[in-house]
N, C-alpha and C. Protein backbone atom coordinates (compact mmCIF):
# COMPACT_ATOMS: atom_id res chain seq x y z
N MET A 1 0.89 -1.13 -0.14
CA MET A 1 -0.09 0.11 -0.02
C MET A 1 1.19 1.21 0.01
N ALA A 2 0.34 2.21 -1.07
CA ALA A 2 1.27 3.35 -0.82
C ALA A 2 0.55 4.74 -0.02
N TYR A 3 1.58 5.41 0.55
CA TYR A 3 0.95 6.68 1.51
C TYR A 3 1.71 7.92 1.10
N THR A 4 0.99 9.00 1.25
CA THR A 4 1.95 10.05 0.88
C THR A 4 2.82 10.30 2.34
N VAL A 5 3.58 11.28 2.41
CA VAL A 5 4.52 11.82 3.42
C VAL A 5 3.25 12.14 4.63
N HIS A 6 2.54 12.84 4.45
CA HIS A 6 1.56 13.58 5.25
C HIS A 6 0.75 12.44 6.01
N GLN A 7 0.16 11.32 4.89
CA GLN A 7 -0.40 10.23 5.69
C GLN A 7 0.51 9.31 6.32
N ALA A 8 1.70 8.92 6.10
CA ALA A 8 2.63 8.27 6.76
C ALA A 8 2.89 9.13 8.20
N LYS A 9 2.97 10.48 8.33
CA LYS A 9 3.28 10.88 9.54
C LYS A 9 2.22 11.18 10.51
N THR A 10 1.05 11.07 9.90
CA THR A 10 -0.11 10.91 10.62
C THR A 10 -0.56 9.48 11.26
N HIS A 11 -0.31 8.59 10.38
CA HIS A 11 -0.69 7.13 10.66
C HIS A 11 0.70 6.27 10.91
N PHE A 12 1.63 6.89 11.53
CA PHE A 12 2.79 6.03 11.55
C PHE A 12 2.61 4.75 12.23
N SER A 13 2.05 4.84 13.44
CA SER A 13 1.85 3.51 14.06
C SER A 13 1.14 2.52 13.40
N ARG A 14 0.01 2.94 12.60
CA ARG A 14 -0.66 1.88 12.12
C ARG A 14 0.05 1.33 10.75
N LEU A 15 1.01 2.27 10.36
CA LEU A 15 1.86 1.82 9.14
C LEU A 15 2.79 0.83 9.84
N LEU A 16 3.11 1.07 10.59
CA LEU A 16 4.11 0.03 11.38
C LEU A 16 3.59 -1.41 11.75
N LYS A 17 2.47 -1.34 12.26
CA LYS A 17 1.79 -2.61 12.23
C LYS A 17 1.36 -3.21 11.20
N GLU A 18 1.09 -2.67 10.14
CA GLU A 18 1.01 -3.12 8.78
C GLU A 18 2.45 -3.79 8.27
N ALA A 19 3.53 -3.03 8.27
CA ALA A 19 4.69 -3.53 8.07
C ALA A 19 5.13 -4.75 8.95
N GLU A 20 4.84 -4.91 10.29
CA GLU A 20 5.16 -6.10 11.00
C GLU A 20 4.14 -7.04 10.50
N ALA A 21 2.88 -6.73 10.15
CA ALA A 21 2.24 -8.17 9.51
C ALA A 21 2.68 -8.45 8.28
N GLY A 22 3.54 -7.88 7.58
CA GLY A 22 4.22 -8.41 6.31
C GLY A 22 3.67 -7.90 5.20
N LYS A 23 2.91 -6.86 5.29
CA LYS A 23 2.28 -6.02 4.28
C LYS A 23 3.43 -5.06 3.78
N GLU A 24 3.42 -4.67 2.55
CA GLU A 24 4.30 -3.69 1.82
C GLU A 24 3.89 -2.44 2.18
N VAL A 25 4.62 -1.33 2.82
CA VAL A 25 4.49 -0.10 2.93
C VAL A 25 5.39 0.82 2.27
N ILE A 26 4.77 1.42 1.28
CA ILE A 26 5.52 2.31 0.68
C ILE A 26 4.89 4.02 0.77
N VAL A 27 6.05 4.84 1.10
CA VAL A 27 6.02 6.24 1.41
C VAL A 27 6.23 6.89 0.17
N MET A 28 5.43 7.98 -0.36
CA MET A 28 5.65 8.57 -1.50
C MET A 28 5.68 10.23 -1.27
N ARG A 29 6.54 10.77 -2.22
CA ARG A 29 6.43 12.16 -2.30
C ARG A 29 6.20 12.52 -3.40
N GLY A 30 4.94 12.87 -3.65
CA GLY A 30 4.24 13.17 -5.07
C GLY A 30 3.89 11.82 -5.52
N ASN A 31 4.65 11.91 -6.77
CA ASN A 31 4.57 10.47 -7.81
C ASN A 31 5.75 9.76 -7.54
N LYS A 32 6.64 9.94 -6.49
CA LYS A 32 7.92 9.35 -6.47
C LYS A 32 8.04 8.42 -4.98
N GLN A 33 8.32 7.28 -5.48
CA GLN A 33 8.42 6.47 -4.11
C GLN A 33 9.78 6.75 -3.32
N VAL A 34 9.70 7.02 -2.28
CA VAL A 34 11.03 7.31 -1.52
C VAL A 34 11.29 6.37 -0.36
N ALA A 35 10.38 5.83 0.05
CA ALA A 35 10.72 4.88 1.33
C ALA A 35 9.90 3.60 1.21
N LYS A 36 10.55 2.54 1.86
CA LYS A 36 9.57 1.31 1.96
C LYS A 36 9.92 0.95 3.43
N LEU A 37 8.81 0.45 4.17
CA LEU A 37 8.67 0.00 5.64
C LEU A 37 8.52 -1.41 5.38
N VAL A 38 9.57 -2.10 6.08
CA VAL A 38 9.50 -3.64 6.19
C VAL A 38 10.04 -4.09 7.72
N PRO A 39 9.36 -5.02 8.05
CA PRO A 39 9.57 -5.61 9.32
C PRO A 39 11.04 -6.17 9.37
N ILE A 40 11.79 -5.99 10.39
CA ILE A 40 13.15 -6.23 10.81
C ILE A 40 13.38 -7.91 10.91
N MET A 41 12.32 -8.48 11.21
CA MET A 41 12.46 -9.89 11.35
C MET A 41 10.91 -10.47 10.65
N ASP A 42 11.02 -11.60 10.00
CA ASP A 42 9.71 -12.14 9.47
C ASP A 42 8.95 -12.72 10.68
N PRO A 43 7.68 -12.24 10.77
CA PRO A 43 6.81 -12.78 11.74
C PRO A 43 6.71 -14.25 11.97
N ALA A 44 7.05 -14.97 10.74
CA ALA A 44 6.99 -16.58 11.04
C ALA A 44 8.13 -16.94 11.68
N ILE A 45 9.22 -16.50 11.50
CA ILE A 45 10.52 -16.80 12.01
C ILE A 45 10.57 -16.21 13.56
N GLU A 46 10.07 -15.11 13.78
CA GLU A 46 9.87 -14.55 15.20
C GLU A 46 9.33 -15.88 16.22
N THR A 47 8.12 -16.19 15.57
CA THR A 47 7.59 -17.04 16.43
C THR A 47 8.59 -18.43 16.75
N LYS A 48 9.08 -18.93 15.75
CA LYS A 48 10.18 -19.88 16.11
C LYS A 48 11.12 -19.56 17.28
N LEU A 49 11.52 -18.27 17.26
CA LEU A 49 12.83 -17.79 17.92
C LEU A 49 12.37 -17.16 19.06
N SER A 50 11.16 -17.20 19.38
CA SER A 50 10.31 -16.66 20.66
C SER A 50 11.24 -17.00 21.76
N ARG A 51 11.53 -18.23 22.01
CA ARG A 51 12.19 -18.67 23.09
C ARG A 51 13.60 -18.49 23.12
N ILE A 52 13.79 -18.02 24.30
CA ILE A 52 15.37 -17.81 24.35
C ILE A 52 16.15 -19.06 24.97
N GLY A 53 17.07 -19.27 24.22
CA GLY A 53 17.95 -20.53 24.43
C GLY A 53 17.49 -21.81 23.95
N GLY A 54 16.37 -21.68 23.21
CA GLY A 54 15.48 -23.11 22.71
C GLY A 54 16.43 -23.84 21.98
N PHE A 55 16.45 -25.01 21.90
CA PHE A 55 17.41 -25.90 21.14
C PHE A 55 16.75 -26.71 20.28
N GLU A 56 15.37 -26.64 20.16
CA GLU A 56 14.60 -27.49 19.26
C GLU A 56 15.10 -27.52 17.87
N GLY A 57 15.11 -28.62 17.13
CA GLY A 57 15.36 -28.57 15.83
C GLY A 57 16.89 -28.87 15.60
N LEU A 58 17.69 -29.04 16.51
CA LEU A 58 19.14 -29.42 16.49
C LEU A 58 19.19 -30.78 16.36
N ILE A 59 20.29 -31.17 15.63
CA ILE A 59 20.68 -32.59 15.32
C ILE A 59 21.07 -33.30 16.50
N GLN A 60 20.74 -34.54 16.96
CA GLN A 60 21.10 -34.98 17.92
C GLN A 60 22.22 -36.05 17.63
N PHE A 61 23.29 -35.87 18.14
CA PHE A 61 24.37 -37.05 17.98
C PHE A 61 24.71 -38.15 18.96
N ASP A 62 25.06 -39.04 18.37
CA ASP A 62 25.20 -40.38 19.22
C ASP A 62 26.64 -40.28 19.86
N ASP A 63 26.80 -40.82 21.10
CA ASP A 63 27.97 -40.77 22.05
C ASP A 63 29.04 -41.13 21.29
N HIS A 64 28.82 -42.21 20.09
CA HIS A 64 30.20 -42.75 19.61
C HIS A 64 30.63 -41.69 18.50
N VAL A 65 30.18 -40.58 18.30
CA VAL A 65 30.82 -39.46 17.45
C VAL A 65 32.17 -38.91 18.19
N PHE A 66 32.13 -39.11 19.48
CA PHE A 66 33.18 -38.46 20.19
C PHE A 66 34.27 -39.45 20.58
N ASP A 67 34.09 -40.77 20.16
CA ASP A 67 34.94 -41.79 20.42
C ASP A 67 36.26 -41.50 19.43
N PRO A 68 37.56 -42.04 19.93
CA PRO A 68 38.74 -42.00 19.24
C PRO A 68 38.81 -42.42 17.90
N LEU A 69 39.41 -41.97 16.88
CA LEU A 69 39.29 -42.73 15.46
C LEU A 69 40.24 -43.86 15.39
N THR A 70 39.83 -44.77 14.77
CA THR A 70 40.65 -46.23 14.64
C THR A 70 41.87 -45.69 13.55
N ASP A 71 42.82 -46.65 13.34
CA ASP A 71 43.86 -46.27 12.69
C ASP A 71 43.57 -46.36 11.02
N GLU A 72 42.42 -47.36 10.84
CA GLU A 72 41.95 -47.19 9.57
C GLU A 72 41.21 -45.96 9.08
N GLN A 73 40.38 -45.42 10.15
CA GLN A 73 39.85 -44.18 10.05
C GLN A 73 40.80 -42.88 10.00
N MET A 74 41.88 -43.02 10.60
CA MET A 74 42.86 -41.86 10.54
C MET A 74 43.66 -41.88 9.17
N ILE A 75 43.65 -43.09 8.57
CA ILE A 75 44.33 -43.07 7.32
C ILE A 75 43.53 -42.71 6.09
N GLU A 76 42.07 -43.20 6.35
CA GLU A 76 41.02 -42.65 5.46
C GLU A 76 40.74 -41.16 5.40
N TYR A 77 41.04 -40.62 6.59
CA TYR A 77 40.79 -39.16 6.64
C TYR A 77 41.99 -38.25 6.43
N GLY A 78 43.01 -39.03 6.19
CA GLY A 78 44.22 -38.30 5.77
C GLY A 78 45.31 -37.92 6.85
N PHE A 79 44.77 -38.21 8.13
CA PHE A 79 45.77 -37.70 9.23
C PHE A 79 46.98 -38.55 9.54
N ASP A 80 46.94 -39.94 9.10
CA ASP A 80 48.24 -40.72 9.24
C ASP A 80 48.16 -41.49 8.11
N ASN A 81 49.13 -41.21 7.10
CA ASN A 81 49.29 -42.06 5.98
C ASN A 81 50.73 -42.34 5.84
N PRO A 82 51.32 -43.66 6.09
CA PRO A 82 52.84 -43.82 5.88
C PRO A 82 53.33 -43.60 4.70
N GLU A 83 52.42 -43.79 3.75
CA GLU A 83 53.05 -43.88 2.54
C GLU A 83 53.21 -42.19 1.86
N LYS A 84 51.96 -41.44 2.10
CA LYS A 84 52.23 -39.94 2.09
C LYS A 84 53.12 -39.48 2.85
N ASP A 85 53.41 -39.89 4.01
CA ASP A 85 54.53 -39.35 4.79
C ASP A 85 55.80 -39.68 4.24
N ALA A 86 56.06 -40.82 3.59
CA ALA A 86 57.24 -41.12 3.03
C ALA A 86 57.75 -40.39 1.93
N ARG A 87 56.57 -40.12 0.86
CA ARG A 87 56.77 -39.37 -0.09
C ARG A 87 57.26 -37.73 0.16
N LEU A 88 56.53 -37.31 1.35
CA LEU A 88 57.00 -35.92 1.74
C LEU A 88 58.38 -35.91 2.11
N LEU A 89 58.80 -36.76 3.00
CA LEU A 89 60.27 -36.85 3.48
C LEU A 89 61.12 -36.95 2.27
N ALA A 90 60.74 -37.86 1.31
CA ALA A 90 61.77 -38.01 0.31
C ALA A 90 61.74 -36.63 -0.80
N ALA A 91 60.64 -35.97 -0.80
CA ALA A 91 60.60 -34.74 -1.44
C ALA A 91 61.51 -33.65 -0.87
N MET A 92 61.45 -33.76 0.45
CA MET A 92 62.14 -32.70 1.29
C MET A 92 63.52 -32.92 1.71
N GLU A 93 63.96 -34.25 1.53
CA GLU A 93 65.38 -34.84 1.57
C GLU A 93 66.49 -33.88 0.94
N PRO A 94 66.11 -33.38 -0.18
CA PRO A 94 67.40 -32.52 -0.87
C PRO A 94 67.40 -31.31 0.08
N ASP A 95 66.29 -30.58 0.56
CA ASP A 95 66.25 -29.47 1.35
C ASP A 95 66.95 -29.64 2.64
N ILE A 96 66.94 -30.84 3.11
CA ILE A 96 67.44 -31.00 4.66
C ILE A 96 68.89 -31.37 4.33
N LEU A 97 69.28 -31.95 3.38
CA LEU A 97 70.75 -32.14 3.19
C LEU A 97 71.52 -31.09 2.98
N ALA A 98 70.91 -29.88 2.24
CA ALA A 98 71.39 -28.93 1.79
C ALA A 98 71.39 -27.87 3.26
N ALA A 99 70.45 -27.90 3.87
CA ALA A 99 70.69 -27.30 5.24
C ALA A 99 71.38 -27.75 6.11
N LYS A 100 71.88 -29.02 6.02
CA LYS A 100 73.03 -29.60 6.90
C LYS A 100 74.12 -29.29 6.44
N ASN A 101 74.56 -29.23 5.10
CA ASN A 101 75.77 -28.81 4.51
C ASN A 101 76.33 -27.15 4.63
N VAL A 102 75.01 -26.64 4.76
CA VAL A 102 75.18 -25.25 4.96
C VAL A 102 75.83 -24.66 6.44
N LYS A 103 75.20 -25.48 7.40
CA LYS A 103 75.69 -25.20 8.58
C LYS A 103 77.09 -25.47 8.85
């Protein structure tokens, strides 16, 4: 709904209620649109967040999520891979030898 500046000043509280309800409120100066009132938060979302500290909807984890990883899982995730470590050391070996010769 579009309102003139005079109407907006006169009925500002009502326009705020309309914006909170999700209606589009446009303020016009003459034939030119100059402002749009919109709610800060969507009313549908606000009802979901009305409880402070509410944890509804969070994913529940099993206790095994915090168990230590097995050796196979460590290798699968790339944390402990002897082949990769050997390749890395072989690639770094010339640099290590060069550093030893410099000292």
